[in-house]
Amino acid sequence: FVTDQTGELWVVTDDGLQDEPFLDVSDRLVEL
């Protein structure tokens, strides 16, 4: 599991980065 500064929590498997994030909190972030 990898966090992205822009608000997405990504899942990484043997196939690479999954298309959809495990969790997205970008709508709760301060505006970067």
PDB file of all heavy atoms in Angstrom:
ATOM      1  N   PHE A   1       0.853  -1.185   0.000  1.00  0.00           N
ATOM      2  CA  PHE A   1       0.000   0.000   0.000  1.00  0.00           C
ATOM      3  C   PHE A   1       0.892   1.239   0.000  1.00  0.00           C
ATOM      4  O   PHE A   1       1.807   1.365   0.824  1.00  0.00           O
ATOM      5  CB  PHE A   1      -0.908   0.002   1.220  1.00  0.00           C
ATOM      6  CG  PHE A   1      -1.863  -1.160   1.264  1.00  0.00           C
ATOM      7  CD1 PHE A   1      -1.459  -2.387   1.772  1.00  0.00           C
ATOM      8  CD2 PHE A   1      -3.159  -1.024   0.786  1.00  0.00           C
ATOM      9  CE1 PHE A   1      -2.339  -3.462   1.817  1.00  0.00           C
ATOM     10  CE2 PHE A   1      -4.038  -2.094   0.819  1.00  0.00           C
ATOM     11  CZ  PHE A   1      -3.623  -3.322   1.330  1.00  0.00           C
ATOM     12  N   VAL A   2       0.623   2.166  -0.933  1.00  0.00           N
ATOM     13  CA  VAL A   2       1.473   3.345  -1.110  1.00  0.00           C
ATOM     14  C   VAL A   2       0.597   4.589  -1.107  1.00  0.00           C
ATOM     15  O   VAL A   2      -0.377   4.677  -1.871  1.00  0.00           O
ATOM     16  CB  VAL A   2       2.275   3.268  -2.429  1.00  0.00           C
ATOM     17  CG1 VAL A   2       3.123   4.524  -2.602  1.00  0.00           C
ATOM     18  CG2 VAL A   2       3.139   2.021  -2.458  1.00  0.00           C
ATOM     19  N   THR A   3       0.933   5.551  -0.254  1.00  0.00           N
ATOM     20  CA  THR A   3       0.214   6.816  -0.234  1.00  0.00           C
ATOM     21  C   THR A   3       0.796   7.777  -1.262  1.00  0.00           C
ATOM     22  O   THR A   3       2.011   7.840  -1.455  1.00  0.00           O
ATOM     23  CB  THR A   3       0.281   7.475   1.157  1.00  0.00           C
ATOM     24  OG1 THR A   3       1.649   7.536   1.587  1.00  0.00           O
ATOM     25  CG2 THR A   3      -0.524   6.686   2.165  1.00  0.00           C
ATOM     26  N   ASP A   4      -0.081   8.532  -1.903  1.00  0.00           N
ATOM     27  CA  ASP A   4       0.319   9.579  -2.838  1.00  0.00           C
ATOM     28  C   ASP A   4      -0.017  10.920  -2.205  1.00  0.00           C
ATOM     29  O   ASP A   4      -1.081  11.077  -1.581  1.00  0.00           O
ATOM     30  CB  ASP A   4      -0.446   9.418  -4.161  1.00  0.00           C
ATOM     31  CG  ASP A   4       0.361   9.886  -5.358  1.00  0.00           C
ATOM     32  OD1 ASP A   4       1.313  10.656  -5.160  1.00  0.00           O
ATOM     33  OD2 ASP A   4       0.033   9.476  -6.488  1.00  0.00           O
ATOM     34  N   GLN A   5       0.852  11.873  -2.346  1.00  0.00           N
ATOM     35  CA  GLN A   5       0.663  13.172  -1.699  1.00  0.00           C
ATOM     36  C   GLN A   5      -0.671  13.810  -2.071  1.00  0.00           C
ATOM     37  O   GLN A   5      -1.253  14.557  -1.279  1.00  0.00           O
ATOM     38  CB  GLN A   5       1.813  14.110  -2.074  1.00  0.00           C
ATOM     39  CG  GLN A   5       1.815  15.432  -1.309  1.00  0.00           C
ATOM     40  CD  GLN A   5       2.990  16.311  -1.662  1.00  0.00           C
ATOM     41  OE1 GLN A   5       3.903  15.894  -2.377  1.00  0.00           O
ATOM     42  NE2 GLN A   5       3.001  17.537  -1.173  1.00  0.00           N
ATOM     43  N   THR A   6      -1.160  13.516  -3.243  1.00  0.00           N
ATOM     44  CA  THR A   6      -2.396  14.120  -3.730  1.00  0.00           C
ATOM     45  C   THR A   6      -3.655  13.495  -3.141  1.00  0.00           C
ATOM     46  O   THR A   6      -4.763  13.937  -3.463  1.00  0.00           O
ATOM     47  CB  THR A   6      -2.445  14.031  -5.256  1.00  0.00           C
ATOM     48  OG1 THR A   6      -2.111  12.695  -5.667  1.00  0.00           O
ATOM     49  CG2 THR A   6      -1.450  15.000  -5.885  1.00  0.00           C
ATOM     50  N   GLY A   7      -3.520  12.452  -2.296  1.00  0.00           N
ATOM     51  CA  GLY A   7      -4.680  11.966  -1.556  1.00  0.00           C
ATOM     52  C   GLY A   7      -5.095  10.540  -1.793  1.00  0.00           C
ATOM     53  O   GLY A   7      -6.036  10.067  -1.152  1.00  0.00           O
ATOM     54  N   GLU A   8      -4.402   9.813  -2.679  1.00  0.00           N
ATOM     55  CA  GLU A   8      -4.797   8.446  -3.002  1.00  0.00           C
ATOM     56  C   GLU A   8      -3.932   7.431  -2.250  1.00  0.00           C
ATOM     57  O   GLU A   8      -2.721   7.604  -2.143  1.00  0.00           O
ATOM     58  CB  GLU A   8      -4.675   8.178  -4.503  1.00  0.00           C
ATOM     59  CG  GLU A   8      -5.537   9.086  -5.368  1.00  0.00           C
ATOM     60  CD  GLU A   8      -4.916  10.447  -5.625  1.00  0.00           C
ATOM     61  OE1 GLU A   8      -3.698  10.603  -5.353  1.00  0.00           O
ATOM     62  OE2 GLU A   8      -5.636  11.363  -6.057  1.00  0.00           O
ATOM     63  N   LEU A   9      -4.561   6.373  -1.761  1.00  0.00           N
ATOM     64  CA  LEU A   9      -3.850   5.232  -1.191  1.00  0.00           C
ATOM     65  C   LEU A   9      -3.924   4.103  -2.214  1.00  0.00           C
ATOM     66  O   LEU A   9      -4.982   3.510  -2.435  1.00  0.00           O
ATOM     67  CB  LEU A   9      -4.492   4.807   0.135  1.00  0.00           C
ATOM     68  CG  LEU A   9      -3.960   3.519   0.774  1.00  0.00           C
ATOM     69  CD1 LEU A   9      -2.456   3.612   1.025  1.00  0.00           C
ATOM     70  CD2 LEU A   9      -4.704   3.216   2.069  1.00  0.00           C
ATOM     71  N   TRP A  10      -2.787   3.836  -2.858  1.00  0.00           N
ATOM     72  CA  TRP A  10      -2.747   2.886  -3.962  1.00  0.00           C
ATOM     73  C   TRP A  10      -2.368   1.487  -3.471  1.00  0.00           C
ATOM     74  O   TRP A  10      -1.674   1.324  -2.474  1.00  0.00           O
ATOM     75  CB  TRP A  10      -1.720   3.323  -5.012  1.00  0.00           C
ATOM     76  CG  TRP A  10      -2.018   4.634  -5.661  1.00  0.00           C
ATOM     77  CD1 TRP A  10      -1.407   5.830  -5.434  1.00  0.00           C
ATOM     78  CD2 TRP A  10      -3.009   4.884  -6.661  1.00  0.00           C
ATOM     79  NE1 TRP A  10      -1.948   6.814  -6.224  1.00  0.00           N
ATOM     80  CE2 TRP A  10      -2.935   6.260  -6.992  1.00  0.00           C
ATOM     81  CE3 TRP A  10      -3.951   4.082  -7.310  1.00  0.00           C
ATOM     82  CZ2 TRP A  10      -3.768   6.852  -7.930  1.00  0.00           C
ATOM     83  CZ3 TRP A  10      -4.782   4.670  -8.253  1.00  0.00           C
ATOM     84  CH2 TRP A  10      -4.687   6.029  -8.562  1.00  0.00           C
ATOM     85  N   VAL A  11      -2.834   0.495  -4.228  1.00  0.00           N
ATOM     86  CA  VAL A  11      -2.461  -0.892  -3.992  1.00  0.00           C
ATOM     87  C   VAL A  11      -1.499  -1.324  -5.093  1.00  0.00           C
ATOM     88  O   VAL A  11      -1.754  -1.106  -6.280  1.00  0.00           O
ATOM     89  CB  VAL A  11      -3.692  -1.818  -3.982  1.00  0.00           C
ATOM     90  CG1 VAL A  11      -3.256  -3.280  -3.832  1.00  0.00           C
ATOM     91  CG2 VAL A  11      -4.642  -1.429  -2.859  1.00  0.00           C
ATOM     92  N   VAL A  12      -0.387  -1.935  -4.676  1.00  0.00           N
ATOM     93  CA  VAL A  12       0.609  -2.441  -5.609  1.00  0.00           C
ATOM     94  C   VAL A  12       0.662  -3.959  -5.470  1.00  0.00           C
ATOM     95  O   VAL A  12       0.835  -4.485  -4.372  1.00  0.00           O
ATOM     96  CB  VAL A  12       1.997  -1.839  -5.332  1.00  0.00           C
ATOM     97  CG1 VAL A  12       3.038  -2.421  -6.285  1.00  0.00           C
ATOM     98  CG2 VAL A  12       1.952  -0.313  -5.458  1.00  0.00           C
ATOM     99  N   THR A  13       0.497  -4.652  -6.589  1.00  0.00           N
ATOM    100  CA  THR A  13       0.591  -6.111  -6.611  1.00  0.00           C
ATOM    101  C   THR A  13       1.706  -6.519  -7.567  1.00  0.00           C
ATOM    102  O   THR A  13       2.438  -5.674  -8.090  1.00  0.00           O
ATOM    103  CB  THR A  13      -0.743  -6.732  -7.060  1.00  0.00           C
ATOM    104  OG1 THR A  13      -0.979  -6.408  -8.440  1.00  0.00           O
ATOM    105  CG2 THR A  13      -1.903  -6.207  -6.216  1.00  0.00           C
ATOM    106  N   ASP A  14       1.806  -7.808  -7.832  1.00  0.00           N
ATOM    107  CA  ASP A  14       2.810  -8.287  -8.776  1.00  0.00           C
ATOM    108  C   ASP A  14       2.583  -7.732 -10.172  1.00  0.00           C
ATOM    109  O   ASP A  14       3.499  -7.725 -11.010  1.00  0.00           O
ATOM    110  CB  ASP A  14       2.795  -9.820  -8.825  1.00  0.00           C
ATOM    111  CG  ASP A  14       3.287 -10.432  -7.527  1.00  0.00           C
ATOM    112  OD1 ASP A  14       3.979  -9.733  -6.774  1.00  0.00           O
ATOM    113  OD2 ASP A  14       2.964 -11.612  -7.265  1.00  0.00           O
ATOM    114  N   ASP A  15       1.366  -7.263 -10.438  1.00  0.00           N
ATOM    115  CA  ASP A  15       1.030  -6.686 -11.741  1.00  0.00           C
ATOM    116  C   ASP A  15       1.217  -5.176 -11.778  1.00  0.00           C
ATOM    117  O   ASP A  15       0.888  -4.534 -12.776  1.00  0.00           O
ATOM    118  CB  ASP A  15      -0.422  -7.036 -12.109  1.00  0.00           C
ATOM    119  CG  ASP A  15      -0.627  -8.533 -12.268  1.00  0.00           C
ATOM    120  OD1 ASP A  15       0.304  -9.208 -12.761  1.00  0.00           O
ATOM    121  OD2 ASP A  15      -1.704  -9.024 -11.887  1.00  0.00           O
ATOM    122  N   GLY A  16       1.710  -4.601 -10.697  1.00  0.00           N
ATOM    123  CA  GLY A  16       1.925  -3.162 -10.661  1.00  0.00           C
ATOM    124  C   GLY A  16       0.831  -2.435  -9.914  1.00  0.00           C
ATOM    125  O   GLY A  16       0.154  -2.995  -9.037  1.00  0.00           O
ATOM    126  N   LEU A  17       0.633  -1.182 -10.280  1.00  0.00           N
ATOM    127  CA  LEU A  17      -0.328  -0.310  -9.604  1.00  0.00           C
ATOM    128  C   LEU A  17      -1.748  -0.636 -10.052  1.00  0.00           C
ATOM    129  O   LEU A  17      -2.034  -0.689 -11.253  1.00  0.00           O
ATOM    130  CB  LEU A  17      -0.007   1.144  -9.927  1.00  0.00           C
ATOM    131  CG  LEU A  17      -0.587   2.229  -9.015  1.00  0.00           C
ATOM    132  CD1 LEU A  17       0.100   2.205  -7.662  1.00  0.00           C
ATOM    133  CD2 LEU A  17      -0.412   3.606  -9.672  1.00  0.00           C
ATOM    134  N   GLN A  18      -2.648  -0.880  -9.095  1.00  0.00           N
ATOM    135  CA  GLN A  18      -4.038  -1.123  -9.449  1.00  0.00           C
ATOM    136  C   GLN A  18      -4.679   0.153  -9.982  1.00  0.00           C
ATOM    137  O   GLN A  18      -4.265   1.262  -9.661  1.00  0.00           O
ATOM    138  CB  GLN A  18      -4.816  -1.651  -8.246  1.00  0.00           C
ATOM    139  CG  GLN A  18      -4.459  -3.070  -7.860  1.00  0.00           C
ATOM    140  CD  GLN A  18      -5.397  -3.637  -6.812  1.00  0.00           C
ATOM    141  OE1 GLN A  18      -6.185  -2.920  -6.206  1.00  0.00           O
ATOM    142  NE2 GLN A  18      -5.312  -4.942  -6.590  1.00  0.00           N
ATOM    143  N   ASP A  19      -5.712  -0.015 -10.800  1.00  0.00           N
ATOM    144  CA  ASP A  19      -6.336   1.133 -11.468  1.00  0.00           C
ATOM    145  C   ASP A  19      -7.043   2.066 -10.498  1.00  0.00           C
ATOM    146  O   ASP A  19      -7.038   3.287 -10.680  1.00  0.00           O
ATOM    147  CB  ASP A  19      -7.331   0.651 -12.526  1.00  0.00           C
ATOM    148  CG  ASP A  19      -6.647  -0.045 -13.691  1.00  0.00           C
ATOM    149  OD1 ASP A  19      -5.449   0.217 -13.904  1.00  0.00           O
ATOM    150  OD2 ASP A  19      -7.305  -0.851 -14.373  1.00  0.00           O
ATOM    151  N   GLU A  20      -7.682   1.510  -9.477  1.00  0.00           N
ATOM    152  CA  GLU A  20      -8.448   2.316  -8.541  1.00  0.00           C
ATOM    153  C   GLU A  20      -7.777   2.307  -7.176  1.00  0.00           C
ATOM    154  O   GLU A  20      -7.271   1.281  -6.730  1.00  0.00           O
ATOM    155  CB  GLU A  20      -9.881   1.782  -8.412  1.00  0.00           C
ATOM    156  CG  GLU A  20     -10.675   1.841  -9.697  1.00  0.00           C
ATOM    157  CD  GLU A  20     -10.884   3.265 -10.182  1.00  0.00           C
ATOM    158  OE1 GLU A  20     -11.003   4.172  -9.322  1.00  0.00           O
ATOM    159  OE2 GLU A  20     -10.919   3.478 -11.402  1.00  0.00           O
ATOM    160  N   PRO A  21      -7.780   3.436  -6.490  1.00  0.00           N
ATOM    161  CA  PRO A  21      -7.141   3.472  -5.176  1.00  0.00           C
ATOM    162  C   PRO A  21      -7.920   2.678  -4.135  1.00  0.00           C
ATOM    163  O   PRO A  21      -9.140   2.528  -4.227  1.00  0.00           O
ATOM    164  CB  PRO A  21      -7.107   4.965  -4.835  1.00  0.00           C
ATOM    165  CG  PRO A  21      -8.220   5.563  -5.629  1.00  0.00           C
ATOM    166  CD  PRO A  21      -8.297   4.762  -6.896  1.00  0.00           C
ATOM    167  N   PHE A  22      -7.204   2.188  -3.137  1.00  0.00           N
ATOM    168  CA  PHE A  22      -7.819   1.494  -2.008  1.00  0.00           C
ATOM    169  C   PHE A  22      -8.657   2.472  -1.187  1.00  0.00           C
ATOM    170  O   PHE A  22      -9.709   2.127  -0.646  1.00  0.00           O
ATOM    171  CB  PHE A  22      -6.709   0.886  -1.152  1.00  0.00           C
ATOM    172  CG  PHE A  22      -7.171   0.037  -0.016  1.00  0.00           C
ATOM    173  CD1 PHE A  22      -7.596  -1.271  -0.228  1.00  0.00           C
ATOM    174  CD2 PHE A  22      -7.168   0.530   1.280  1.00  0.00           C
ATOM    175  CE1 PHE A  22      -8.019  -2.062   0.830  1.00  0.00           C
ATOM    176  CE2 PHE A  22      -7.578  -0.252   2.346  1.00  0.00           C
ATOM    177  CZ  PHE A  22      -8.011  -1.555   2.123  1.00  0.00           C
ATOM    178  N   LEU A  23      -8.179   3.714  -1.103  1.00  0.00           N
ATOM    179  CA  LEU A  23      -8.878   4.787  -0.396  1.00  0.00           C
ATOM    180  C   LEU A  23      -8.479   6.103  -1.039  1.00  0.00           C
ATOM    181  O   LEU A  23      -7.336   6.263  -1.463  1.00  0.00           O
ATOM    182  CB  LEU A  23      -8.501   4.806   1.092  1.00  0.00           C
ATOM    183  CG  LEU A  23      -9.159   5.879   1.963  1.00  0.00           C
ATOM    184  CD1 LEU A  23     -10.630   5.539   2.202  1.00  0.00           C
ATOM    185  CD2 LEU A  23      -8.422   6.031   3.306  1.00  0.00           C
ATOM    186  N   ASP A  24      -9.430   7.027  -1.116  1.00  0.00           N
ATOM    187  CA  ASP A  24      -9.162   8.347  -1.686  1.00  0.00           C
ATOM    188  C   ASP A  24      -9.646   9.402  -0.695  1.00  0.00           C
ATOM    189  O   ASP A  24     -10.844   9.503  -0.426  1.00  0.00           O
ATOM    190  CB  ASP A  24      -9.877   8.510  -3.029  1.00  0.00           C
ATOM    191  CG  ASP A  24      -9.468   9.777  -3.768  1.00  0.00           C
ATOM    192  OD1 ASP A  24      -8.891  10.684  -3.136  1.00  0.00           O
ATOM    193  OD2 ASP A  24      -9.733   9.869  -4.989  1.00  0.00           O
ATOM    194  N   VAL A  25      -8.708  10.172  -0.136  1.00  0.00           N
ATOM    195  CA  VAL A  25      -9.082  11.232   0.806  1.00  0.00           C
ATOM    196  C   VAL A  25      -8.771  12.607   0.230  1.00  0.00           C
ATOM    197  O   VAL A  25      -8.662  13.585   0.969  1.00  0.00           O
ATOM    198  CB  VAL A  25      -8.360  11.056   2.163  1.00  0.00           C
ATOM    199  CG1 VAL A  25      -8.790   9.763   2.838  1.00  0.00           C
ATOM    200  CG2 VAL A  25      -6.843  11.118   2.004  1.00  0.00           C
ATOM    201  N   SER A  26      -8.649  12.685  -1.085  1.00  0.00           N
ATOM    202  CA  SER A  26      -8.281  13.961  -1.708  1.00  0.00           C
ATOM    203  C   SER A  26      -9.311  15.047  -1.407  1.00  0.00           C
ATOM    204  O   SER A  26      -8.951  16.236  -1.338  1.00  0.00           O
ATOM    205  CB  SER A  26      -8.113  13.782  -3.220  1.00  0.00           C
ATOM    206  OG  SER A  26      -9.283  13.247  -3.809  1.00  0.00           O
ATOM    207  N   ASP A  27     -10.575  14.660  -1.204  1.00  0.00           N
ATOM    208  CA  ASP A  27     -11.606  15.648  -0.905  1.00  0.00           C
ATOM    209  C   ASP A  27     -11.525  16.144   0.538  1.00  0.00           C
ATOM    210  O   ASP A  27     -12.208  17.091   0.909  1.00  0.00           O
ATOM    211  CB  ASP A  27     -12.994  15.075  -1.182  1.00  0.00           C
ATOM    212  CG  ASP A  27     -13.306  13.837  -0.361  1.00  0.00           C
ATOM    213  OD1 ASP A  27     -12.363  13.235   0.192  1.00  0.00           O
ATOM    214  OD2 ASP A  27     -14.490  13.467  -0.277  1.00  0.00           O
ATOM    215  N   ARG A  28     -10.673  15.529   1.358  1.00  0.00           N
ATOM    216  CA  ARG A  28     -10.519  15.951   2.751  1.00  0.00           C
ATOM    217  C   ARG A  28      -9.224  16.724   2.974  1.00  0.00           C
ATOM    218  O   ARG A  28      -8.969  17.202   4.077  1.00  0.00           O
ATOM    219  CB  ARG A  28     -10.554  14.727   3.678  1.00  0.00           C
ATOM    220  CG  ARG A  28     -11.808  13.923   3.456  1.00  0.00           C
ATOM    221  CD  ARG A  28     -11.834  12.616   4.232  1.00  0.00           C
ATOM    222  NE  ARG A  28     -12.798  11.724   3.590  1.00  0.00           N
ATOM    223  CZ  ARG A  28     -13.453  10.754   4.188  1.00  0.00           C
ATOM    224  NH1 ARG A  28     -13.237  10.515   5.477  1.00  0.00           N
ATOM    225  NH2 ARG A  28     -14.311  10.009   3.529  1.00  0.00           N
ATOM    226  N   LEU A  29      -8.402  16.820   1.940  1.00  0.00           N
ATOM    227  CA  LEU A  29      -7.118  17.507   2.066  1.00  0.00           C
ATOM    228  C   LEU A  29      -7.284  19.013   1.978  1.00  0.00           C
ATOM    229  O   LEU A  29      -8.199  19.525   1.316  1.00  0.00           O
ATOM    230  CB  LEU A  29      -6.164  17.068   0.954  1.00  0.00           C
ATOM    231  CG  LEU A  29      -5.705  15.616   0.890  1.00  0.00           C
ATOM    232  CD1 LEU A  29      -4.677  15.458  -0.218  1.00  0.00           C
ATOM    233  CD2 LEU A  29      -5.133  15.167   2.218  1.00  0.00           C
ATOM    234  N   VAL A  30      -6.365  19.722   2.606  1.00  0.00           N
ATOM    235  CA  VAL A  30      -6.202  21.130   2.325  1.00  0.00           C
ATOM    236  C   VAL A  30      -5.843  21.264   0.848  1.00  0.00           C
ATOM    237  O   VAL A  30      -5.232  20.367   0.262  1.00  0.00           O
ATOM    238  CB  VAL A  30      -5.095  21.714   3.227  1.00  0.00           C
ATOM    239  CG1 VAL A  30      -3.750  21.093   2.913  1.00  0.00           C
ATOM    240  CG2 VAL A  30      -5.025  23.227   3.114  1.00  0.00           C
ATOM    241  N   GLU A  31      -6.234  22.346   0.213  1.00  0.00           N
ATOM    242  CA  GLU A  31      -5.910  22.523  -1.206  1.00  0.00           C
ATOM    243  C   GLU A  31      -4.410  22.763  -1.352  1.00  0.00           C
ATOM    244  O   GLU A  31      -3.879  23.759  -0.862  1.00  0.00           O
ATOM    245  CB  GLU A  31      -6.690  23.698  -1.786  1.00  0.00           C
ATOM    246  CG  GLU A  31      -6.466  23.891  -3.282  1.00  0.00           C
ATOM    247  CD  GLU A  31      -7.267  25.036  -3.864  1.00  0.00           C
ATOM    248  OE1 GLU A  31      -8.081  25.614  -3.120  1.00  0.00           O
ATOM    249  OE2 GLU A  31      -7.079  25.357  -5.062  1.00  0.00           O
ATOM    250  N   LEU A  32      -3.740  21.827  -2.015  1.00  0.00           N
ATOM    251  CA  LEU A  32      -2.296  21.944  -2.171  1.00  0.00           C
ATOM    252  C   LEU A  32      -1.964  23.141  -3.058  1.00  0.00           C
ATOM    253  O   LEU A  32      -2.615  23.386  -4.074  1.00  0.00           O
ATOM    254  CB  LEU A  32      -1.721  20.662  -2.778  1.00  0.00           C
ATOM    255  CG  LEU A  32      -1.966  19.378  -1.981  1.00  0.00           C
ATOM    256  CD1 LEU A  32      -1.260  18.198  -2.636  1.00  0.00           C
ATOM    257  CD2 LEU A  32      -1.510  19.527  -0.540  1.00  0.00           C
TER     258      LEU A  32
END
